[in-house]
Amino acid sequence: MNATVEQALISKLRTLSPQQMAEVEDFVEFLAGKARKRTALDRLLAIAPALEAAGVVPMTEEEIAAEVKAARAERRARQQAKGSGADRS
């Protein structure tokens, strides 16, 4: 991003209400998350041929769903632990 575009965005941000700023922040987080997911998918697709050549058996939809469920539970537990730690200080 060049300095002129960055300065124009900053100027526009300064005119927003706190609620609007929160919405902008949420949207930026959404975009960042979308980019992270795309990067992860690209990395996965890049190794797919090597996995196939190595004879790795593809996961079933049920196995994938179980992995996603476990990852989400782990993330929730980390967020709760982080939240409860913040409350103590």
PDB file of N, CA and C in Angstrom:
ATOM      1  N   MET A   1       0.860  -1.171   0.000  1.00  0.00           N
ATOM      2  CA  MET A   1       0.000   0.000   0.000  1.00  0.00           C
ATOM      3  C   MET A   1       0.902   1.228   0.000  1.00  0.00           C
ATOM      4  N   ASN A   2       0.586   2.176  -0.878  1.00  0.00           N
ATOM      5  CA  ASN A   2       1.436   3.362  -0.896  1.00  0.00           C
ATOM      6  C   ASN A   2       0.988   4.360   0.163  1.00  0.00           C
ATOM      7  N   ALA A   3       1.857   5.321   0.448  1.00  0.00           N
ATOM      8  CA  ALA A   3       1.634   6.272   1.544  1.00  0.00           C
ATOM      9  C   ALA A   3       0.390   7.122   1.323  1.00  0.00           C
ATOM     10  N   THR A   4       0.080   7.467   0.083  1.00  0.00           N
ATOM     11  CA  THR A   4      -1.084   8.303  -0.201  1.00  0.00           C
ATOM     12  C   THR A   4      -2.379   7.561   0.134  1.00  0.00           C
ATOM     13  N   VAL A   5      -2.476   6.316  -0.265  1.00  0.00           N
ATOM     14  CA  VAL A   5      -3.662   5.516   0.027  1.00  0.00           C
ATOM     15  C   VAL A   5      -3.786   5.308   1.531  1.00  0.00           C
ATOM     16  N   GLU A   6      -2.673   5.003   2.162  1.00  0.00           N
ATOM     17  CA  GLU A   6      -2.672   4.800   3.610  1.00  0.00           C
ATOM     18  C   GLU A   6      -3.137   6.062   4.339  1.00  0.00           C
ATOM     19  N   GLN A   7      -2.640   7.216   3.938  1.00  0.00           N
ATOM     20  CA  GLN A   7      -3.023   8.478   4.562  1.00  0.00           C
ATOM     21  C   GLN A   7      -4.503   8.762   4.347  1.00  0.00           C
ATOM     22  N   ALA A   8      -5.017   8.472   3.155  1.00  0.00           N
ATOM     23  CA  ALA A   8      -6.440   8.692   2.865  1.00  0.00           C
ATOM     24  C   ALA A   8      -7.306   7.801   3.750  1.00  0.00           C
ATOM     25  N   LEU A   9      -6.897   6.555   3.931  1.00  0.00           N
ATOM     26  CA  LEU A   9      -7.652   5.643   4.803  1.00  0.00           C
ATOM     27  C   LEU A   9      -7.636   6.118   6.253  1.00  0.00           C
ATOM     28  N   ILE A  10      -6.486   6.542   6.710  1.00  0.00           N
ATOM     29  CA  ILE A  10      -6.373   7.035   8.091  1.00  0.00           C
ATOM     30  C   ILE A  10      -7.273   8.250   8.290  1.00  0.00           C
ATOM     31  N   SER A  11      -7.297   9.144   7.320  1.00  0.00           N
ATOM     32  CA  SER A  11      -8.156  10.328   7.415  1.00  0.00           C
ATOM     33  C   SER A  11      -9.626   9.926   7.508  1.00  0.00           C
ATOM     34  N   LYS A  12     -10.029   8.969   6.714  1.00  0.00           N
ATOM     35  CA  LYS A  12     -11.415   8.497   6.740  1.00  0.00           C
ATOM     36  C   LYS A  12     -11.735   7.807   8.062  1.00  0.00           C
ATOM     37  N   LEU A  13     -10.790   7.031   8.573  1.00  0.00           N
ATOM     38  CA  LEU A  13     -11.010   6.339   9.846  1.00  0.00           C
ATOM     39  C   LEU A  13     -11.231   7.327  10.984  1.00  0.00           C
ATOM     40  N   ARG A  14     -10.537   8.428  10.942  1.00  0.00           N
ATOM     41  CA  ARG A  14     -10.652   9.428  12.012  1.00  0.00           C
ATOM     42  C   ARG A  14     -12.036  10.065  12.080  1.00  0.00           C
ATOM     43  N   THR A  15     -12.808   9.955  11.012  1.00  0.00           N
ATOM     44  CA  THR A  15     -14.149  10.553  11.007  1.00  0.00           C
ATOM     45  C   THR A  15     -15.219   9.595  11.523  1.00  0.00           C
ATOM     46  N   LEU A  16     -14.857   8.343  11.760  1.00  0.00           N
ATOM     47  CA  LEU A  16     -15.844   7.340  12.151  1.00  0.00           C
ATOM     48  C   LEU A  16     -16.148   7.374  13.642  1.00  0.00           C
ATOM     49  N   SER A  17     -17.356   6.951  13.957  1.00  0.00           N
ATOM     50  CA  SER A  17     -17.754   6.828  15.362  1.00  0.00           C
ATOM     51  C   SER A  17     -17.081   5.594  15.960  1.00  0.00           C
ATOM     52  N   PRO A  18     -17.052   5.488  17.285  1.00  0.00           N
ATOM     53  CA  PRO A  18     -16.470   4.290  17.903  1.00  0.00           C
ATOM     54  C   PRO A  18     -17.137   2.992  17.421  1.00  0.00           C
ATOM     55  N   GLN A  19     -18.458   3.024  17.247  1.00  0.00           N
ATOM     56  CA  GLN A  19     -19.174   1.829  16.751  1.00  0.00           C
ATOM     57  C   GLN A  19     -18.715   1.472  15.344  1.00  0.00           C
ATOM     58  N   GLN A  20     -18.579   2.476  14.493  1.00  0.00           N
ATOM     59  CA  GLN A  20     -18.122   2.231  13.130  1.00  0.00           C
ATOM     60  C   GLN A  20     -16.684   1.722  13.122  1.00  0.00           C
ATOM     61  N   MET A  21     -15.855   2.255  13.999  1.00  0.00           N
ATOM     62  CA  MET A  21     -14.470   1.778  14.099  1.00  0.00           C
ATOM     63  C   MET A  21     -14.450   0.310  14.501  1.00  0.00           C
ATOM     64  N   ALA A  22     -15.337  -0.082  15.411  1.00  0.00           N
ATOM     65  CA  ALA A  22     -15.417  -1.488  15.822  1.00  0.00           C
ATOM     66  C   ALA A  22     -15.816  -2.356  14.635  1.00  0.00           C
ATOM     67  N   GLU A  23     -16.736  -1.855  13.816  1.00  0.00           N
ATOM     68  CA  GLU A  23     -17.146  -2.604  12.622  1.00  0.00           C
ATOM     69  C   GLU A  23     -15.990  -2.739  11.637  1.00  0.00           C
ATOM     70  N   VAL A  24     -15.228  -1.670  11.462  1.00  0.00           N
ATOM     71  CA  VAL A  24     -14.063  -1.712  10.569  1.00  0.00           C
ATOM     72  C   VAL A  24     -13.053  -2.732  11.091  1.00  0.00           C
ATOM     73  N   GLU A  25     -12.817  -2.705  12.395  1.00  0.00           N
ATOM     74  CA  GLU A  25     -11.880  -3.650  12.991  1.00  0.00           C
ATOM     75  C   GLU A  25     -12.341  -5.091  12.782  1.00  0.00           C
ATOM     76  N   ASP A  26     -13.632  -5.331  12.984  1.00  0.00           N
ATOM     77  CA  ASP A  26     -14.180  -6.671  12.748  1.00  0.00           C
ATOM     78  C   ASP A  26     -13.983  -7.101  11.303  1.00  0.00           C
ATOM     79  N   PHE A  27     -14.211  -6.176  10.374  1.00  0.00           N
ATOM     80  CA  PHE A  27     -14.064  -6.509   8.968  1.00  0.00           C
ATOM     81  C   PHE A  27     -12.613  -6.801   8.615  1.00  0.00           C
ATOM     82  N   VAL A  28     -11.701  -6.019   9.169  1.00  0.00           N
ATOM     83  CA  VAL A  28     -10.274  -6.251   8.917  1.00  0.00           C
ATOM     84  C   VAL A  28      -9.870  -7.621   9.459  1.00  0.00           C
ATOM     85  N   GLU A  29     -10.367  -7.977  10.644  1.00  0.00           N
ATOM     86  CA  GLU A  29     -10.086  -9.302  11.206  1.00  0.00           C
ATOM     87  C   GLU A  29     -10.651 -10.399  10.303  1.00  0.00           C
ATOM     88  N   PHE A  30     -11.861 -10.177   9.775  1.00  0.00           N
ATOM     89  CA  PHE A  30     -12.468 -11.131   8.853  1.00  0.00           C
ATOM     90  C   PHE A  30     -11.582 -11.325   7.623  1.00  0.00           C
ATOM     91  N   LEU A  31     -11.122 -10.218   7.042  1.00  0.00           N
ATOM     92  CA  LEU A  31     -10.264 -10.304   5.856  1.00  0.00           C
ATOM     93  C   LEU A  31      -8.951 -11.016   6.166  1.00  0.00           C
ATOM     94  N   ALA A  32      -8.370 -10.728   7.322  1.00  0.00           N
ATOM     95  CA  ALA A  32      -7.117 -11.383   7.708  1.00  0.00           C
ATOM     96  C   ALA A  32      -7.344 -12.882   7.892  1.00  0.00           C
ATOM     97  N   GLY A  33      -8.442 -13.248   8.523  1.00  0.00           N
ATOM     98  CA  GLY A  33      -8.757 -14.663   8.706  1.00  0.00           C
ATOM     99  C   GLY A  33      -8.972 -15.370   7.378  1.00  0.00           C
ATOM    100  N   LYS A  34      -9.649 -14.682   6.475  1.00  0.00           N
ATOM    101  CA  LYS A  34      -9.885 -15.235   5.137  1.00  0.00           C
ATOM    102  C   LYS A  34      -8.557 -15.479   4.425  1.00  0.00           C
ATOM    103  N   ALA A  35      -7.631 -14.535   4.550  1.00  0.00           N
ATOM    104  CA  ALA A  35      -6.312 -14.681   3.922  1.00  0.00           C
ATOM    105  C   ALA A  35      -5.541 -15.849   4.549  1.00  0.00           C
ATOM    106  N   ARG A  36      -5.630 -15.988   5.887  1.00  0.00           N
ATOM    107  CA  ARG A  36      -4.950 -17.113   6.551  1.00  0.00           C
ATOM    108  C   ARG A  36      -5.510 -18.450   6.077  1.00  0.00           C
ATOM    109  N   LYS A  37      -6.836 -18.522   5.949  1.00  0.00           N
ATOM    110  CA  LYS A  37      -7.463 -19.768   5.482  1.00  0.00           C
ATOM    111  C   LYS A  37      -7.028 -20.088   4.057  1.00  0.00           C
ATOM    112  N   ARG A  38      -6.968 -19.075   3.214  1.00  0.00           N
ATOM    113  CA  ARG A  38      -6.565 -19.277   1.821  1.00  0.00           C
ATOM    114  C   ARG A  38      -5.117 -19.762   1.760  1.00  0.00           C
ATOM    115  N   THR A  39      -4.255 -19.173   2.577  1.00  0.00           N
ATOM    116  CA  THR A  39      -2.852 -19.583   2.623  1.00  0.00           C
ATOM    117  C   THR A  39      -2.737 -21.035   3.079  1.00  0.00           C
ATOM    118  N   ALA A  40      -3.513 -21.400   4.103  1.00  0.00           N
ATOM    119  CA  ALA A  40      -3.483 -22.784   4.599  1.00  0.00           C
ATOM    120  C   ALA A  40      -3.971 -23.745   3.522  1.00  0.00           C
ATOM    121  N   LEU A  41      -5.026 -23.377   2.808  1.00  0.00           N
ATOM    122  CA  LEU A  41      -5.535 -24.235   1.735  1.00  0.00           C
ATOM    123  C   LEU A  41      -4.502 -24.383   0.628  1.00  0.00           C
ATOM    124  N   ASP A  42      -3.858 -23.284   0.259  1.00  0.00           N
ATOM    125  CA  ASP A  42      -2.826 -23.348  -0.780  1.00  0.00           C
ATOM    126  C   ASP A  42      -1.684 -24.276  -0.372  1.00  0.00           C
ATOM    127  N   ARG A  43      -1.279 -24.196   0.914  1.00  0.00           N
ATOM    128  CA  ARG A  43      -0.210 -25.079   1.396  1.00  0.00           C
ATOM    129  C   ARG A  43      -0.660 -26.538   1.351  1.00  0.00           C
ATOM    130  N   LEU A  44      -1.894 -26.786   1.736  1.00  0.00           N
ATOM    131  CA  LEU A  44      -2.414 -28.153   1.707  1.00  0.00           C
ATOM    132  C   LEU A  44      -2.452 -28.686   0.278  1.00  0.00           C
ATOM    133  N   LEU A  45      -2.961 -27.871  -0.635  1.00  0.00           N
ATOM    134  CA  LEU A  45      -3.037 -28.309  -2.022  1.00  0.00           C
ATOM    135  C   LEU A  45      -1.653 -28.519  -2.625  1.00  0.00           C
ATOM    136  N   ALA A  46      -0.665 -27.780  -2.156  1.00  0.00           N
ATOM    137  CA  ALA A  46       0.696 -27.926  -2.670  1.00  0.00           C
ATOM    138  C   ALA A  46       1.301 -29.274  -2.295  1.00  0.00           C
ATOM    139  N   ILE A  47       0.909 -29.820  -1.136  1.00  0.00           N
ATOM    140  CA  ILE A  47       1.485 -31.104  -0.725  1.00  0.00           C
ATOM    141  C   ILE A  47       0.623 -32.295  -1.127  1.00  0.00           C
ATOM    142  N   ALA A  48      -0.571 -32.032  -1.652  1.00  0.00           N
ATOM    143  CA  ALA A  48      -1.478 -33.123  -2.024  1.00  0.00           C
ATOM    144  C   ALA A  48      -0.838 -34.134  -2.981  1.00  0.00           C
ATOM    145  N   PRO A  49      -0.131 -33.687  -4.028  1.00  0.00           N
ATOM    146  CA  PRO A  49       0.488 -34.669  -4.929  1.00  0.00           C
ATOM    147  C   PRO A  49       1.524 -35.553  -4.217  1.00  0.00           C
ATOM    148  N   ALA A  50       2.287 -34.965  -3.299  1.00  0.00           N
ATOM    149  CA  ALA A  50       3.289 -35.748  -2.570  1.00  0.00           C
ATOM    150  C   ALA A  50       2.610 -36.779  -1.671  1.00  0.00           C
ATOM    151  N   LEU A  51       1.503 -36.392  -1.040  1.00  0.00           N
ATOM    152  CA  LEU A  51       0.768 -37.343  -0.201  1.00  0.00           C
ATOM    153  C   LEU A  51       0.218 -38.490  -1.036  1.00  0.00           C
ATOM    154  N   GLU A  52      -0.318 -38.160  -2.188  1.00  0.00           N
ATOM    155  CA  GLU A  52      -0.855 -39.197  -3.067  1.00  0.00           C
ATOM    156  C   GLU A  52       0.263 -40.127  -3.541  1.00  0.00           C
ATOM    157  N   ALA A  53       1.401 -39.569  -3.909  1.00  0.00           N
ATOM    158  CA  ALA A  53       2.533 -40.375  -4.372  1.00  0.00           C
ATOM    159  C   ALA A  53       3.067 -41.272  -3.259  1.00  0.00           C
ATOM    160  N   ALA A  54       2.947 -40.807  -2.018  1.00  0.00           N
ATOM    161  CA  ALA A  54       3.429 -41.595  -0.879  1.00  0.00           C
ATOM    162  C   ALA A  54       2.426 -42.670  -0.467  1.00  0.00           C
ATOM    163  N   GLY A  55       1.255 -42.655  -1.097  1.00  0.00           N
ATOM    164  CA  GLY A  55       0.260 -43.672  -0.788  1.00  0.00           C
ATOM    165  C   GLY A  55      -0.564 -43.394   0.457  1.00  0.00           C
ATOM    166  N   VAL A  56      -0.566 -42.134   0.904  1.00  0.00           N
ATOM    167  CA  VAL A  56      -1.352 -41.767   2.083  1.00  0.00           C
ATOM    168  C   VAL A  56      -2.831 -41.846   1.717  1.00  0.00           C
ATOM    169  N   VAL A  57      -3.594 -42.540   2.536  1.00  0.00           N
ATOM    170  CA  VAL A  57      -5.018 -42.712   2.290  1.00  0.00           C
ATOM    171  C   VAL A  57      -5.742 -41.403   2.631  1.00  0.00           C
ATOM    172  N   PRO A  58      -6.564 -40.895   1.718  1.00  0.00           N
ATOM    173  CA  PRO A  58      -7.303 -39.659   2.010  1.00  0.00           C
ATOM    174  C   PRO A  58      -8.245 -39.842   3.202  1.00  0.00           C
ATOM    175  N   MET A  59      -8.470 -38.753   3.929  1.00  0.00           N
ATOM    176  CA  MET A  59      -9.374 -38.791   5.068  1.00  0.00           C
ATOM    177  C   MET A  59     -10.816 -38.824   4.568  1.00  0.00           C
ATOM    178  N   THR A  60     -11.673 -39.477   5.344  1.00  0.00           N
ATOM    179  CA  THR A  60     -13.097 -39.477   5.026  1.00  0.00           C
ATOM    180  C   THR A  60     -13.698 -38.157   5.495  1.00  0.00           C
ATOM    181  N   GLU A  61     -14.901 -37.871   5.037  1.00  0.00           N
ATOM    182  CA  GLU A  61     -15.583 -36.650   5.490  1.00  0.00           C
ATOM    183  C   GLU A  61     -15.801 -36.689   6.996  1.00  0.00           C
ATOM    184  N   GLU A  62     -16.080 -37.877   7.526  1.00  0.00           N
ATOM    185  CA  GLU A  62     -16.290 -38.022   8.966  1.00  0.00           C
ATOM    186  C   GLU A  62     -15.002 -37.718   9.738  1.00  0.00           C
ATOM    187  N   GLU A  63     -13.867 -38.189   9.218  1.00  0.00           N
ATOM    188  CA  GLU A  63     -12.583 -37.925   9.867  1.00  0.00           C
ATOM    189  C   GLU A  63     -12.252 -36.431   9.825  1.00  0.00           C
ATOM    190  N   ILE A  64     -12.547 -35.803   8.706  1.00  0.00           N
ATOM    191  CA  ILE A  64     -12.306 -34.371   8.576  1.00  0.00           C
ATOM    192  C   ILE A  64     -13.180 -33.607   9.566  1.00  0.00           C
ATOM    193  N   ALA A  65     -14.461 -33.982   9.641  1.00  0.00           N
ATOM    194  CA  ALA A  65     -15.388 -33.318  10.569  1.00  0.00           C
ATOM    195  C   ALA A  65     -14.915 -33.478  12.010  1.00  0.00           C
ATOM    196  N   ALA A  66     -14.411 -34.661  12.357  1.00  0.00           N
ATOM    197  CA  ALA A  66     -13.912 -34.893  13.715  1.00  0.00           C
ATOM    198  C   ALA A  66     -12.685 -34.032  13.999  1.00  0.00           C
ATOM    199  N   GLU A  67     -11.798 -33.904  13.028  1.00  0.00           N
ATOM    200  CA  GLU A  67     -10.609 -33.060  13.196  1.00  0.00           C
ATOM    201  C   GLU A  67     -10.995 -31.597  13.375  1.00  0.00           C
ATOM    202  N   VAL A  68     -11.938 -31.132  12.569  1.00  0.00           N
ATOM    203  CA  VAL A  68     -12.395 -29.743  12.671  1.00  0.00           C
ATOM    204  C   VAL A  68     -13.031 -29.512  14.036  1.00  0.00           C
ATOM    205  N   LYS A  69     -13.866 -30.443  14.477  1.00  0.00           N
ATOM    206  CA  LYS A  69     -14.524 -30.316  15.776  1.00  0.00           C
ATOM    207  C   LYS A  69     -13.494 -30.253  16.900  1.00  0.00           C
ATOM    208  N   ALA A  70     -12.475 -31.095  16.834  1.00  0.00           N
ATOM    209  CA  ALA A  70     -11.434 -31.112  17.861  1.00  0.00           C
ATOM    210  C   ALA A  70     -10.633 -29.803  17.851  1.00  0.00           C
ATOM    211  N   ALA A  71     -10.308 -29.306  16.666  1.00  0.00           N
ATOM    212  CA  ALA A  71      -9.545 -28.052  16.559  1.00  0.00           C
ATOM    213  C   ALA A  71     -10.358 -26.882  17.109  1.00  0.00           C
ATOM    214  N   ARG A  72     -11.650 -26.868  16.821  1.00  0.00           N
ATOM    215  CA  ARG A  72     -12.504 -25.783  17.323  1.00  0.00           C
ATOM    216  C   ARG A  72     -12.622 -25.854  18.843  1.00  0.00           C
ATOM    217  N   ALA A  73     -12.752 -27.052  19.380  1.00  0.00           N
ATOM    218  CA  ALA A  73     -12.840 -27.212  20.831  1.00  0.00           C
ATOM    219  C   ALA A  73     -11.546 -26.744  21.490  1.00  0.00           C
ATOM    220  N   GLU A  74     -10.423 -27.079  20.886  1.00  0.00           N
ATOM    221  CA  GLU A  74      -9.125 -26.652  21.413  1.00  0.00           C
ATOM    222  C   GLU A  74      -9.002 -25.127  21.374  1.00  0.00           C
ATOM    223  N   ARG A  75      -9.436 -24.514  20.278  1.00  0.00           N
ATOM    224  CA  ARG A  75      -9.381 -23.056  20.164  1.00  0.00           C
ATOM    225  C   ARG A  75     -10.276 -22.402  21.214  1.00  0.00           C
ATOM    226  N   ARG A  76     -11.487 -22.942  21.401  1.00  0.00           N
ATOM    227  CA  ARG A  76     -12.388 -22.381  22.422  1.00  0.00           C
ATOM    228  C   ARG A  76     -11.771 -22.488  23.810  1.00  0.00           C
ATOM    229  N   ALA A  77     -11.141 -23.623  24.095  1.00  0.00           N
ATOM    230  CA  ALA A  77     -10.511 -23.814  25.408  1.00  0.00           C
ATOM    231  C   ALA A  77      -9.381 -22.809  25.611  1.00  0.00           C
ATOM    232  N   ARG A  78      -8.576 -22.567  24.571  1.00  0.00           N
ATOM    233  CA  ARG A  78      -7.494 -21.580  24.669  1.00  0.00           C
ATOM    234  C   ARG A  78      -8.054 -20.181  24.896  1.00  0.00           C
ATOM    235  N   GLN A  79      -9.127 -19.842  24.171  1.00  0.00           N
ATOM    236  CA  GLN A  79      -9.726 -18.521  24.320  1.00  0.00           C
ATOM    237  C   GLN A  79     -10.319 -18.346  25.710  1.00  0.00           C
ATOM    238  N   GLN A  80     -10.956 -19.382  26.238  1.00  0.00           N
ATOM    239  CA  GLN A  80     -11.522 -19.309  27.578  1.00  0.00           C
ATOM    240  C   GLN A  80     -10.421 -19.181  28.620  1.00  0.00           C
ATOM    241  N   ALA A  81      -9.339 -19.928  28.433  1.00  0.00           N
ATOM    242  CA  ALA A  81      -8.213 -19.852  29.367  1.00  0.00           C
ATOM    243  C   ALA A  81      -7.589 -18.454  29.328  1.00  0.00           C
ATOM    244  N   LYS A  82      -7.459 -17.906  28.141  1.00  0.00           N
ATOM    245  CA  LYS A  82      -6.897 -16.574  27.988  1.00  0.00           C
ATOM    246  C   LYS A  82      -7.834 -15.555  28.637  1.00  0.00           C
ATOM    247  N   GLY A  83      -9.125 -15.726  28.441  1.00  0.00           N
ATOM    248  CA  GLY A  83     -10.105 -14.807  29.020  1.00  0.00           C
ATOM    249  C   GLY A  83     -10.130 -14.867  30.520  1.00  0.00           C
ATOM    250  N   SER A  84     -10.046 -16.066  31.091  1.00  0.00           N
ATOM    251  CA  SER A  84     -10.078 -16.185  32.540  1.00  0.00           C
ATOM    252  C   SER A  84      -8.769 -15.688  33.154  1.00  0.00           C
ATOM    253  N   GLY A  85      -7.685 -15.809  32.436  1.00  0.00           N
ATOM    254  CA  GLY A  85      -6.404 -15.275  32.900  1.00  0.00           C
ATOM    255  C   GLY A  85      -6.408 -13.757  32.929  1.00  0.00           C
ATOM    256  N   ALA A  86      -7.080 -13.151  31.947  1.00  0.00           N
ATOM    257  CA  ALA A  86      -7.167 -11.689  31.892  1.00  0.00           C
ATOM    258  C   ALA A  86      -8.025 -11.152  33.027  1.00  0.00           C
ATOM    259  N   ASP A  87      -9.030 -11.941  33.445  1.00  0.00           N
ATOM    260  CA  ASP A  87      -9.920 -11.486  34.523  1.00  0.00           C
ATOM    261  C   ASP A  87      -9.206 -11.448  35.871  1.00  0.00           C
ATOM    262  N   ARG A  88      -8.172 -12.254  36.022  1.00  0.00           N
ATOM    263  CA  ARG A  88      -7.476 -12.355  37.306  1.00  0.00           C
ATOM    264  C   ARG A  88      -6.574 -11.160  37.589  1.00  0.00           C
ATOM    265  N   SER A  89      -6.111 -10.483  36.538  1.00  0.00           N
ATOM    266  CA  SER A  89      -5.161  -9.389  36.763  1.00  0.00           C
ATOM    267  C   SER A  89      -5.825  -8.074  37.034  1.00  0.00           C
TER     268      SER A  89
END
